[in-house]
Amino acid sequence: MTATESSIAIARTAAKAAADKIAQDIVAMDVSERLALADVFLIASAPSERQVNAIVDGIEEELAKQDLRPVRREGRSGGRWVLLDYADVVIHVQHEEDRVFYALERLWKDCPVVDLQLGDDSSAKAAAVSDSE
């Protein structure tokens, strides 16, 4: 069993919204073989709590345009690790320090990576922001 097309489409929309808010290291993994409660984990990071929350806002706004609302949201007040649960897609937006510490990609390394079709735009935007800081 692999992730459904609708789950992949949601992940791609969320990833594009995250990239538009200058998220870093955006990755999606097909966890459907290992986890019964979700098809895709999307992970993105940012260098500050403010940017984590901006990315979360951007994702929620973009998915709301498709009448999608998170079933559950965790961690918003802290801004270090926000989890948005859209049932089949679970989105993790982490502060870059927390992402290194918790290393979700390492935990799920056996899962296939989902092609988010972001092109080079997200990397270029992130690099431009890093260079300007």
C-alpha atoms as a PDB file:
ATOM      1  CA  MET A   1       0.000   0.000   0.000  1.00  0.00           C
ATOM      2  CA  THR A   2       1.282   3.483  -0.845  1.00  0.00           C
ATOM      3  CA  ALA A   3       0.090   6.983  -0.116  1.00  0.00           C
ATOM      4  CA  THR A   4      -3.063   8.006  -1.966  1.00  0.00           C
ATOM      5  CA  GLU A   5      -2.970  10.620  -4.719  1.00  0.00           C
ATOM      6  CA  SER A   6      -5.125  12.928  -2.586  1.00  0.00           C
ATOM      7  CA  SER A   7      -2.659  12.692   0.318  1.00  0.00           C
ATOM      8  CA  ILE A   8       0.252  13.434  -1.992  1.00  0.00           C
ATOM      9  CA  ALA A   9      -1.642  16.407  -3.461  1.00  0.00           C
ATOM     10  CA  ILE A  10      -2.289  17.796   0.036  1.00  0.00           C
ATOM     11  CA  ALA A  11       1.374  17.349   0.947  1.00  0.00           C
ATOM     12  CA  ARG A  12       2.455  19.147  -2.244  1.00  0.00           C
ATOM     13  CA  THR A  13       0.096  22.059  -1.581  1.00  0.00           C
ATOM     14  CA  ALA A  14       1.344  22.334   2.003  1.00  0.00           C
ATOM     15  CA  ALA A  15       4.971  22.093   0.868  1.00  0.00           C
ATOM     16  CA  LYS A  16       4.473  24.885  -1.672  1.00  0.00           C
ATOM     17  CA  ALA A  17       2.862  27.065   1.005  1.00  0.00           C
ATOM     18  CA  ALA A  18       5.783  26.318   3.351  1.00  0.00           C
ATOM     19  CA  ALA A  19       8.296  27.140   0.606  1.00  0.00           C
ATOM     20  CA  ASP A  20       6.494  30.431  -0.025  1.00  0.00           C
ATOM     21  CA  LYS A  21       7.151  31.294   3.631  1.00  0.00           C
ATOM     22  CA  ILE A  22      10.848  30.394   3.245  1.00  0.00           C
ATOM     23  CA  ALA A  23      10.701  27.039   5.041  1.00  0.00           C
ATOM     24  CA  GLN A  24      13.930  25.077   4.987  1.00  0.00           C
ATOM     25  CA  ASP A  25      14.620  21.412   4.201  1.00  0.00           C
ATOM     26  CA  ILE A  26      11.089  20.514   3.167  1.00  0.00           C
ATOM     27  CA  VAL A  27      10.720  16.730   2.998  1.00  0.00           C
ATOM     28  CA  ALA A  28       7.751  14.382   2.701  1.00  0.00           C
ATOM     29  CA  MET A  29       7.779  10.682   3.465  1.00  0.00           C
ATOM     30  CA  ASP A  30       5.263   8.022   2.531  1.00  0.00           C
ATOM     31  CA  VAL A  31       4.569   6.402   5.908  1.00  0.00           C
ATOM     32  CA  SER A  32       1.500   4.445   4.760  1.00  0.00           C
ATOM     33  CA  GLU A  33       3.304   1.083   4.906  1.00  0.00           C
ATOM     34  CA  ARG A  34       4.480   1.638   8.489  1.00  0.00           C
ATOM     35  CA  LEU A  35       1.696   3.682  10.036  1.00  0.00           C
ATOM     36  CA  ALA A  36      -2.032   2.997   9.869  1.00  0.00           C
ATOM     37  CA  LEU A  37      -3.122   6.498  10.844  1.00  0.00           C
ATOM     38  CA  ALA A  38      -1.449   8.573   8.104  1.00  0.00           C
ATOM     39  CA  ASP A  39      -0.180   8.332   4.535  1.00  0.00           C
ATOM     40  CA  VAL A  40       2.363  11.148   4.452  1.00  0.00           C
ATOM     41  CA  PHE A  41       4.549  13.011   6.935  1.00  0.00           C
ATOM     42  CA  LEU A  42       5.644  16.442   5.738  1.00  0.00           C
ATOM     43  CA  ILE A  43       8.542  18.020   7.625  1.00  0.00           C
ATOM     44  CA  ALA A  44       9.819  21.582   7.300  1.00  0.00           C
ATOM     45  CA  SER A  45      11.957  23.803   9.487  1.00  0.00           C
ATOM     46  CA  ALA A  46      12.763  27.418  10.210  1.00  0.00           C
ATOM     47  CA  PRO A  47      15.443  29.291  12.168  1.00  0.00           C
ATOM     48  CA  SER A  48      13.042  31.100  14.536  1.00  0.00           C
ATOM     49  CA  GLU A  49       9.779  30.584  16.412  1.00  0.00           C
ATOM     50  CA  ARG A  50       8.235  33.506  14.537  1.00  0.00           C
ATOM     51  CA  GLN A  51       9.031  31.925  11.187  1.00  0.00           C
ATOM     52  CA  VAL A  52       7.756  28.516  12.335  1.00  0.00           C
ATOM     53  CA  ASN A  53       4.410  30.157  13.108  1.00  0.00           C
ATOM     54  CA  ALA A  54       4.410  32.085   9.805  1.00  0.00           C
ATOM     55  CA  ILE A  55       4.952  28.827   7.915  1.00  0.00           C
ATOM     56  CA  VAL A  56       2.135  27.157   9.846  1.00  0.00           C
ATOM     57  CA  ASP A  57      -0.172  30.099   9.075  1.00  0.00           C
ATOM     58  CA  GLY A  58       0.713  29.899   5.382  1.00  0.00           C
ATOM     59  CA  ILE A  59       0.038  26.167   5.234  1.00  0.00           C
ATOM     60  CA  GLU A  60      -3.289  26.478   7.046  1.00  0.00           C
ATOM     61  CA  GLU A  61      -4.406  29.363   4.820  1.00  0.00           C
ATOM     62  CA  GLU A  62      -3.525  27.509   1.619  1.00  0.00           C
ATOM     63  CA  LEU A  63      -5.197  24.261   2.673  1.00  0.00           C
ATOM     64  CA  ALA A  64      -8.267  26.170   3.911  1.00  0.00           C
ATOM     65  CA  LYS A  65      -8.760  27.327   0.303  1.00  0.00           C
ATOM     66  CA  GLN A  66      -9.423  23.649  -0.449  1.00  0.00           C
ATOM     67  CA  ASP A  67     -11.806  23.426   2.542  1.00  0.00           C
ATOM     68  CA  LEU A  68      -9.234  21.457   4.516  1.00  0.00           C
ATOM     69  CA  ARG A  69      -8.879  22.135   8.216  1.00  0.00           C
ATOM     70  CA  PRO A  70      -6.569  20.316  10.615  1.00  0.00           C
ATOM     71  CA  VAL A  71      -8.233  17.660  12.735  1.00  0.00           C
ATOM     72  CA  ARG A  72      -5.710  18.536  15.413  1.00  0.00           C
ATOM     73  CA  ARG A  73      -3.043  21.159  16.012  1.00  0.00           C
ATOM     74  CA  GLU A  74      -0.311  20.889  18.623  1.00  0.00           C
ATOM     75  CA  GLY A  75       2.534  23.164  19.743  1.00  0.00           C
ATOM     76  CA  ARG A  76       1.343  26.463  18.287  1.00  0.00           C
ATOM     77  CA  SER A  77       1.974  28.512  21.439  1.00  0.00           C
ATOM     78  CA  GLY A  78       5.612  27.461  21.751  1.00  0.00           C
ATOM     79  CA  GLY A  79       6.494  27.871  18.101  1.00  0.00           C
ATOM     80  CA  ARG A  80       9.261  25.278  18.348  1.00  0.00           C
ATOM     81  CA  TRP A  81       7.470  22.292  16.865  1.00  0.00           C
ATOM     82  CA  VAL A  82       3.975  22.654  15.447  1.00  0.00           C
ATOM     83  CA  LEU A  83       2.093  19.580  14.332  1.00  0.00           C
ATOM     84  CA  LEU A  84      -0.858  19.925  11.956  1.00  0.00           C
ATOM     85  CA  ASP A  85      -2.879  16.733  11.610  1.00  0.00           C
ATOM     86  CA  TYR A  86      -4.918  16.568   8.416  1.00  0.00           C
ATOM     87  CA  ALA A  87      -5.752  12.872   9.032  1.00  0.00           C
ATOM     88  CA  ASP A  88      -3.969  11.332   6.031  1.00  0.00           C
ATOM     89  CA  VAL A  89      -1.225  13.973   6.070  1.00  0.00           C
ATOM     90  CA  VAL A  90       0.616  15.003   9.221  1.00  0.00           C
ATOM     91  CA  ILE A  91       2.689  18.178   8.941  1.00  0.00           C
ATOM     92  CA  HIS A  92       5.597  18.910  11.265  1.00  0.00           C
ATOM     93  CA  VAL A  93       7.045  22.423  11.235  1.00  0.00           C
ATOM     94  CA  GLN A  94      10.038  22.538  13.547  1.00  0.00           C
ATOM     95  CA  HIS A  95      12.581  25.025  14.738  1.00  0.00           C
ATOM     96  CA  GLU A  96      15.833  23.950  13.068  1.00  0.00           C
ATOM     97  CA  GLU A  97      17.416  23.081  16.442  1.00  0.00           C
ATOM     98  CA  ASP A  98      14.501  20.814  17.362  1.00  0.00           C
ATOM     99  CA  ARG A  99      14.604  19.209  13.950  1.00  0.00           C
ATOM    100  CA  VAL A 100      18.239  18.245  14.410  1.00  0.00           C
ATOM    101  CA  PHE A 101      17.584  16.997  17.952  1.00  0.00           C
ATOM    102  CA  TYR A 102      14.499  14.874  17.186  1.00  0.00           C
ATOM    103  CA  ALA A 103      15.669  13.768  13.701  1.00  0.00           C
ATOM    104  CA  LEU A 104      12.300  12.551  12.407  1.00  0.00           C
ATOM    105  CA  GLU A 105      13.833  11.707   9.045  1.00  0.00           C
ATOM    106  CA  ARG A 106      16.144   9.259  10.782  1.00  0.00           C
ATOM    107  CA  LEU A 107      13.217   7.598  12.555  1.00  0.00           C
ATOM    108  CA  TRP A 108      11.358   7.175   9.270  1.00  0.00           C
ATOM    109  CA  LYS A 109      14.408   6.616   7.028  1.00  0.00           C
ATOM    110  CA  ASP A 110      13.023   3.344   5.646  1.00  0.00           C
ATOM    111  CA  CYS A 111      10.000   5.135   4.203  1.00  0.00           C
ATOM    112  CA  PRO A 112      10.013   6.312   0.591  1.00  0.00           C
ATOM    113  CA  VAL A 113      10.430  10.037  -0.027  1.00  0.00           C
ATOM    114  CA  VAL A 114       7.528  11.768  -1.794  1.00  0.00           C
ATOM    115  CA  ASP A 115       8.399  13.996  -4.751  1.00  0.00           C
ATOM    116  CA  LEU A 116       6.987  17.375  -3.752  1.00  0.00           C
ATOM    117  CA  GLN A 117       7.654  18.917  -7.168  1.00  0.00           C
ATOM    118  CA  LEU A 118       9.050  22.097  -5.634  1.00  0.00           C
ATOM    119  CA  GLY A 119      11.869  22.534  -8.125  1.00  0.00           C
ATOM    120  CA  ASP A 120      14.834  24.634  -7.044  1.00  0.00           C
ATOM    121  CA  ASP A 121      12.756  27.642  -5.913  1.00  0.00           C
ATOM    122  CA  SER A 122      12.531  26.652  -2.241  1.00  0.00           C
ATOM    123  CA  SER A 123      16.289  26.044  -1.946  1.00  0.00           C
ATOM    124  CA  ALA A 124      17.087  29.301  -3.707  1.00  0.00           C
ATOM    125  CA  LYS A 125      14.728  31.270  -1.457  1.00  0.00           C
ATOM    126  CA  ALA A 126      16.165  29.692   1.691  1.00  0.00           C
ATOM    127  CA  ALA A 127      19.726  30.361   0.497  1.00  0.00           C
ATOM    128  CA  ALA A 128      18.857  33.987  -0.281  1.00  0.00           C
ATOM    129  CA  VAL A 129      17.436  34.491   3.206  1.00  0.00           C
ATOM    130  CA  SER A 130      20.480  32.837   4.820  1.00  0.00           C
ATOM    131  CA  ASP A 131      22.839  35.026   2.817  1.00  0.00           C
ATOM    132  CA  SER A 132      20.994  38.199   3.799  1.00  0.00           C
ATOM    133  CA  GLU A 133      21.071  37.438   7.551  1.00  0.00           C
END
